């Protein structure tokens, strides 16, 4: 996206996860085209500031990676932590 005018790939799972976490896309929206439309609307509503849409999408990927790391870390902590007993 951004290099070829006709390139319109579906948003990656990381992008969708980040967009839902930030409240940009409701959980009920499942269709990739509608997710992309919602993200474009969010970006446009902000005035398209901070670069091009691919830059916005790249920021969502970074946020999605951070969410995935946090989830993996908390799952590791929770599964290895001894049960608390008073």
N, C-alpha and C. Protein backbone atom coordinates (compact mmCIF):
# COMPACT_ATOMS: atom_id res chain seq x y z
N UNK A 1 0.85 -1.17 0.00
CA UNK A 1 0.00 0.00 0.00
C UNK A 1 0.90 1.23 0.00
N UNK A 2 0.56 2.20 -0.80
CA UNK A 2 1.35 3.41 -0.86
C UNK A 2 2.34 3.43 -2.00
N UNK A 3 2.78 2.27 -2.45
CA UNK A 3 3.73 2.22 -3.56
C UNK A 3 3.02 2.08 -4.89
N UNK A 4 1.98 1.27 -4.90
CA UNK A 4 1.23 1.05 -6.13
C UNK A 4 -0.19 1.57 -5.93
N UNK A 5 -0.67 2.42 -6.80
CA UNK A 5 -2.00 3.02 -6.63
C UNK A 5 -3.13 2.00 -6.53
N UNK A 6 -3.00 0.85 -7.19
CA UNK A 6 -4.08 -0.13 -7.17
C UNK A 6 -3.93 -1.17 -6.07
N UNK A 7 -2.88 -1.07 -5.29
CA UNK A 7 -2.66 -2.04 -4.21
C UNK A 7 -3.57 -1.73 -3.04
N UNK A 8 -4.46 -2.62 -2.74
CA UNK A 8 -5.38 -2.47 -1.61
C UNK A 8 -5.47 -3.78 -0.84
N UNK A 9 -4.36 -4.20 -0.20
CA UNK A 9 -4.42 -5.45 0.55
C UNK A 9 -5.34 -5.33 1.76
N UNK A 10 -5.80 -6.46 2.22
CA UNK A 10 -6.61 -6.49 3.44
C UNK A 10 -5.73 -6.09 4.61
N UNK A 11 -6.31 -5.45 5.61
CA UNK A 11 -5.52 -5.12 6.81
C UNK A 11 -5.08 -6.41 7.51
N UNK A 12 -3.87 -6.42 8.01
CA UNK A 12 -3.36 -7.59 8.72
C UNK A 12 -4.09 -7.76 10.05
N UNK A 13 -3.95 -8.94 10.62
CA UNK A 13 -4.58 -9.21 11.92
C UNK A 13 -4.03 -8.28 13.00
N UNK A 14 -2.75 -7.92 12.90
CA UNK A 14 -2.17 -6.98 13.86
C UNK A 14 -2.83 -5.62 13.76
N UNK A 15 -3.09 -5.17 12.55
CA UNK A 15 -3.74 -3.87 12.34
C UNK A 15 -5.15 -3.90 12.90
N UNK A 16 -5.88 -4.97 12.62
CA UNK A 16 -7.26 -5.09 13.10
C UNK A 16 -7.29 -5.13 14.63
N UNK A 17 -6.39 -5.90 15.21
CA UNK A 17 -6.33 -6.00 16.68
C UNK A 17 -6.04 -4.65 17.32
N UNK A 18 -5.07 -3.93 16.75
CA UNK A 18 -4.72 -2.61 17.28
C UNK A 18 -5.87 -1.63 17.11
N UNK A 19 -6.51 -1.67 15.95
CA UNK A 19 -7.63 -0.75 15.69
C UNK A 19 -8.78 -1.01 16.66
N UNK A 20 -9.04 -2.26 16.96
CA UNK A 20 -10.10 -2.57 17.94
C UNK A 20 -9.69 -2.13 19.33
N UNK A 21 -8.43 -2.34 19.68
CA UNK A 21 -7.94 -1.94 21.00
C UNK A 21 -8.07 -0.43 21.20
N UNK A 22 -7.83 0.32 20.14
CA UNK A 22 -7.89 1.79 20.21
C UNK A 22 -9.30 2.34 19.99
N UNK A 23 -10.25 1.45 19.70
CA UNK A 23 -11.63 1.89 19.51
C UNK A 23 -11.91 2.42 18.12
N UNK A 24 -11.03 2.16 17.16
CA UNK A 24 -11.24 2.64 15.80
C UNK A 24 -12.21 1.76 15.02
N UNK A 25 -12.28 0.49 15.38
CA UNK A 25 -13.14 -0.47 14.67
C UNK A 25 -13.89 -1.29 15.71
N UNK A 26 -15.23 -1.30 15.64
CA UNK A 26 -15.99 -2.11 16.59
C UNK A 26 -15.77 -3.61 16.36
N UNK A 27 -15.88 -4.39 17.41
CA UNK A 27 -15.68 -5.84 17.32
C UNK A 27 -16.66 -6.49 16.36
N UNK A 28 -17.84 -5.90 16.19
CA UNK A 28 -18.86 -6.51 15.34
C UNK A 28 -18.51 -6.42 13.85
N UNK A 29 -17.59 -5.53 13.49
CA UNK A 29 -17.18 -5.39 12.09
C UNK A 29 -16.16 -6.49 11.79
N UNK A 30 -16.53 -7.42 10.93
CA UNK A 30 -15.67 -8.55 10.61
C UNK A 30 -15.09 -8.47 9.21
N UNK A 31 -15.80 -7.86 8.28
CA UNK A 31 -15.39 -7.80 6.88
C UNK A 31 -14.15 -6.91 6.72
N UNK A 32 -13.12 -7.43 6.06
CA UNK A 32 -11.86 -6.69 5.89
C UNK A 32 -12.06 -5.37 5.16
N UNK A 33 -12.95 -5.35 4.19
CA UNK A 33 -13.21 -4.12 3.44
C UNK A 33 -13.81 -3.05 4.35
N UNK A 34 -14.73 -3.46 5.21
CA UNK A 34 -15.34 -2.49 6.15
C UNK A 34 -14.33 -2.02 7.18
N UNK A 35 -13.45 -2.91 7.61
CA UNK A 35 -12.39 -2.50 8.54
C UNK A 35 -11.52 -1.44 7.88
N UNK A 36 -11.12 -1.69 6.64
CA UNK A 36 -10.29 -0.73 5.91
C UNK A 36 -11.01 0.60 5.73
N UNK A 37 -12.30 0.55 5.41
CA UNK A 37 -13.09 1.79 5.28
C UNK A 37 -13.11 2.56 6.59
N UNK A 38 -13.31 1.84 7.70
CA UNK A 38 -13.34 2.49 9.02
C UNK A 38 -12.00 3.15 9.33
N UNK A 39 -10.92 2.45 9.02
CA UNK A 39 -9.59 3.01 9.30
C UNK A 39 -9.32 4.24 8.45
N UNK A 40 -9.73 4.17 7.19
CA UNK A 40 -9.56 5.35 6.32
C UNK A 40 -10.37 6.53 6.85
N UNK A 41 -11.57 6.26 7.35
CA UNK A 41 -12.42 7.32 7.90
C UNK A 41 -11.78 7.93 9.14
N UNK A 42 -11.21 7.10 10.01
CA UNK A 42 -10.54 7.60 11.22
C UNK A 42 -9.36 8.48 10.82
N UNK A 43 -8.57 8.00 9.88
CA UNK A 43 -7.41 8.75 9.42
C UNK A 43 -7.82 10.08 8.80
N UNK A 44 -8.86 10.06 7.96
CA UNK A 44 -9.33 11.28 7.31
C UNK A 44 -9.93 12.26 8.32
N UNK A 45 -10.64 11.73 9.32
CA UNK A 45 -11.25 12.60 10.33
C UNK A 45 -10.20 13.36 11.12
N UNK A 46 -9.01 12.77 11.21
CA UNK A 46 -7.92 13.42 11.91
C UNK A 46 -7.20 14.40 10.99
N UNK A 47 -7.73 14.55 9.78
CA UNK A 47 -7.13 15.47 8.83
C UNK A 47 -6.02 14.84 8.01
N UNK A 48 -5.86 13.52 8.16
CA UNK A 48 -4.79 12.86 7.42
C UNK A 48 -3.42 13.35 7.84
N UNK A 49 -3.33 13.83 9.08
CA UNK A 49 -2.07 14.40 9.54
C UNK A 49 -1.08 13.31 9.91
N UNK A 50 0.14 13.66 10.00
CA UNK A 50 1.16 12.73 10.43
C UNK A 50 1.62 11.78 9.35
N UNK A 51 1.47 12.15 8.10
CA UNK A 51 1.92 11.29 7.00
C UNK A 51 0.78 10.75 6.20
N UNK A 52 1.09 9.75 5.42
CA UNK A 52 0.10 9.11 4.57
C UNK A 52 -0.61 7.99 5.31
N UNK A 53 -1.67 7.48 4.70
CA UNK A 53 -2.41 6.38 5.32
C UNK A 53 -1.50 5.18 5.60
N UNK A 54 -0.57 4.81 4.71
CA UNK A 54 0.32 3.69 5.05
C UNK A 54 1.13 3.93 6.32
N UNK A 55 1.46 5.18 6.61
CA UNK A 55 2.16 5.49 7.87
C UNK A 55 1.26 5.20 9.06
N UNK A 56 -0.01 5.57 8.94
CA UNK A 56 -1.01 5.30 9.99
C UNK A 56 -1.14 3.78 10.19
N UNK A 57 -1.21 3.07 9.08
CA UNK A 57 -1.33 1.61 9.16
C UNK A 57 -0.08 0.99 9.80
N UNK A 58 1.09 1.52 9.48
CA UNK A 58 2.33 1.02 10.08
C UNK A 58 2.35 1.25 11.59
N UNK A 59 1.81 2.39 12.02
CA UNK A 59 1.72 2.66 13.46
C UNK A 59 0.79 1.66 14.13
N UNK A 60 -0.30 1.30 13.44
CA UNK A 60 -1.20 0.28 13.98
C UNK A 60 -0.52 -1.08 14.08
N UNK A 61 0.31 -1.40 13.11
CA UNK A 61 1.07 -2.66 13.17
C UNK A 61 1.97 -2.66 14.40
N UNK A 62 2.66 -1.56 14.64
CA UNK A 62 3.54 -1.48 15.82
C UNK A 62 2.75 -1.63 17.11
N UNK A 63 1.58 -1.01 17.16
CA UNK A 63 0.73 -1.15 18.35
C UNK A 63 0.24 -2.59 18.49
N UNK A 64 -0.11 -3.22 17.38
CA UNK A 64 -0.54 -4.61 17.41
C UNK A 64 0.55 -5.54 17.90
N UNK A 65 1.78 -5.29 17.50
CA UNK A 65 2.91 -6.10 17.97
C UNK A 65 3.08 -5.92 19.48
N UNK A 66 2.96 -4.69 19.96
CA UNK A 66 3.08 -4.44 21.40
C UNK A 66 1.97 -5.15 22.16
N UNK A 67 0.76 -5.14 21.62
CA UNK A 67 -0.35 -5.85 22.28
C UNK A 67 -0.07 -7.35 22.33
N UNK A 68 0.42 -7.90 21.23
CA UNK A 68 0.71 -9.33 21.18
C UNK A 68 1.79 -9.69 22.20
N UNK A 69 2.82 -8.85 22.32
CA UNK A 69 3.88 -9.11 23.30
C UNK A 69 3.33 -9.06 24.72
N UNK A 70 2.50 -8.05 25.00
CA UNK A 70 1.92 -7.94 26.34
C UNK A 70 1.08 -9.15 26.67
N UNK A 71 0.29 -9.62 25.70
CA UNK A 71 -0.56 -10.78 25.93
C UNK A 71 0.28 -12.02 26.20
N UNK A 72 1.31 -12.23 25.39
CA UNK A 72 2.19 -13.38 25.59
C UNK A 72 2.89 -13.30 26.94
N UNK A 73 3.36 -12.11 27.31
CA UNK A 73 4.06 -11.94 28.58
C UNK A 73 3.11 -12.21 29.76
N UNK A 74 1.91 -11.65 29.70
CA UNK A 74 0.98 -11.85 30.81
C UNK A 74 0.52 -13.30 30.88
N UNK A 75 0.38 -13.97 29.74
CA UNK A 75 0.02 -15.39 29.75
C UNK A 75 1.13 -16.22 30.38
N UNK A 76 2.38 -15.88 30.08
CA UNK A 76 3.51 -16.59 30.67
C UNK A 76 3.56 -16.39 32.17
N UNK A 77 3.35 -15.15 32.59
CA UNK A 77 3.39 -14.83 34.02
C UNK A 77 2.25 -15.55 34.74
N UNK A 78 1.05 -15.48 34.18
CA UNK A 78 -0.11 -16.09 34.82
C UNK A 78 -0.01 -17.60 34.88
N UNK A 79 0.56 -18.23 33.89
CA UNK A 79 0.65 -19.69 33.88
C UNK A 79 1.77 -20.21 34.75
N UNK A 80 2.80 -19.39 35.00
CA UNK A 80 3.92 -19.86 35.81
C UNK A 80 3.84 -19.37 37.25
N UNK A 81 2.93 -18.48 37.54
CA UNK A 81 2.82 -17.95 38.90
C UNK A 81 2.17 -18.98 39.82
N UNK A 82 2.75 -19.17 40.99
CA UNK A 82 2.13 -20.09 41.94
C UNK A 82 0.80 -19.53 42.45
N UNK A 83 -0.09 -20.40 42.74
CA UNK A 83 -1.39 -19.97 43.27
C UNK A 83 -1.17 -19.35 44.65
N UNK A 84 -1.89 -18.29 44.90
CA UNK A 84 -1.77 -17.60 46.20
C UNK A 84 -2.68 -18.30 47.20
N UNK A 85 -2.13 -18.60 48.32
CA UNK A 85 -2.98 -19.17 49.38
C UNK A 85 -2.59 -18.49 50.69
N UNK A 86 -3.56 -17.91 51.36
CA UNK A 86 -3.26 -17.18 52.61
C UNK A 86 -2.91 -18.09 53.75
